[in-house]
């Protein structure tokens, strides 16, 4: 045993730590209590840890070894200095990068391992001094700038009661809501060209009608422009009466019939951003009969005219991009909603301020400032919520919903409609007009496995399950007799081979575009691999979600595209759901992207439907025939969730959109406390 220990010591001096450990392990096995064994092991840990820190620059391993030595012998000679030096180096790096939370965590670990060490005291004083300097600079500022400076000080060192008190005072003057998002549409305008544009437009602009319900038609909602809607001439003539006294945020004037006339006229003009091919085919004439009254003439009776009046309305004095010139130069949005875009910040945040001229029954918003902060991934956004850096997150990954629901200080809400995920196909590509190839694409995808193992990380249920068509399970448009779409990789290969033969035996090369959204990023690589295994040459391209959706909706050509959306009313959303460019200008030939003539025929019949029974019959027929025609490749439906800190009061357990009812929301001042301290991670200043 002594010979083994001696040889182990020689190997330690030679820095052959693995061999030395084997010798000590042999002694342990032969004689566990052998005299001197513990001392030799401790020296091995000290020397190997020191070598990892100083020579190999492997600080993680070095600290782990020295921490293990600390657990065995806290008073080992030189250990406290070595640990302090190693920790101080990492603390300094975190401090210089502005990663103050990480630095405080390392400082806490150092205080545990080497209490009262001079380096621990020095770094603690540096953190406190930095925070106090920022707090002193904050007193030279006012309003939101003062609030942000005080918050920056508390994020350096949260345990400063006098700074926390000033922060609470500043927050009361400018209650601020920080929201974590993963996508942003620039510029903020009334045109709904992407999911992010739809989210932001609801903050800045009111629609003619808040919904398609009778209460909206009768003017019962204060957050809409119309006080009433009247239809005559068998639905061909629409009279809109507008609410008086709603000002535009630039103070130039109040909302009038001219704004509504311009907005609805633009939707029928192919060169305008808000163009809708279906609205253009429906509209005959529109005119302002008074400052607060609009008359609309239609070529035919629509299924439900209210569906065309729920989009936001921008000012008539705005330019083609929806923005208004500023007196000092530049252009900015002018709205009539509860919030207005103000500026972009260096950290990627988009800042909205409460509209002081907002006049609803609820009054001006109680939250005075809203910041949408972009994060690179949904996981990063969720981390910001857990750390307390934001109070609301737009989207929670499906596999994190259950865990987050059990987290103290956080509540989880659900969007009322599930999101429908599918692969859009462009029939303008001759290969994708081949039904054999479309069947191959469908058979190649193992929907259930992808859903359970990649997205949910649990078994499917009645709300989260593979799709068999364009509609959600349980929807009135969902045909109950449609068989599930099968997974058969062998048949997929055979169909690809058959399609190649039909297309001239050339390799089938397709580009698969997918958005930088959490679900798509998780499954797109696996979808691409499945399609490649079927014999296709697939190139994957990740795009920002807003950019991809804006281009697709404008009629741009593509091959395959991953899309997801929440469908409120299938009767007027199924067209854009199947064909991204369904409402695009005629010059783009957007309708040609529908790869099945039969599906196009049914969609056009639906546009002509004037009664609900016939519309429902067409929708269920669409669902049945989409199963075989495959104008899209259905994937799955998922319940979507959002989450918020309990310091935010107002969000509901369910909502159609993220900012529903935001005018009445309230928020308390709050700074995250370090969870490794006695203060926990959720304390008000």
Foldseek 3Di string as FASTA:
>chain_A
DVVLLVVLVVVLVVVVLVVSVVSLVVCCVVPVVDPPSVVSLLVSLQSNLLCCVPPVVNLVSSLVSLVVSCVVPLPPPPSLVSNLVSLLVVLVVCVVVLVQLVSVVSLVVNCVSRNPDPSSVVVVVVLLVVLVVLLVVLVVDAAPSSLVSLQSSCSSPVPDVVSLVVNQVNCQRFVEAEEEDAFADPPQALACLFPNNQQRNQQFFAFQFQDLDPCRQCQVFQRHFFNHWDADPLQQKIKTFGDPDQPKLVRPGHQWVLQVQVVLVLCLPQVARNHFQLSVQFWDDKDHPDRGMIMTGTPAHFQGVVVVGGGGTAGPCADSVRWHADPVGDTAHIGRHQWGFDDADPQGKTKIAGRQSHDGPLHHFSRGMYIYGHDNALVVSVVCQVLPVGFKYFFHQQQCVVVQCPDPQKHKAFAPFWKWKWKAFFLVPVLVLDLLLLLLLQQLDPQQCCQCVFGRVHHADQQWDFDLFLDHPPDLLAQPPADRRHHDLVSSLVSLCVSCVVVPVDAAEFEEEEESYHSCVRCVVVSCVSNVSSRHHYHYDYDHRSVVLSCQLQLHDHGIYIDMDGDDDCLPCVQCSRFSPSGHDVVSVSVSRQSDPVLSVLNVVSRNDRHDVVSSVSSNVSGRVCSSRVSIRTRIIGIIMMMGGPQKPDDDNYHNRDCVPSSHIDGRAWHFDNCVDPVHGTDRD
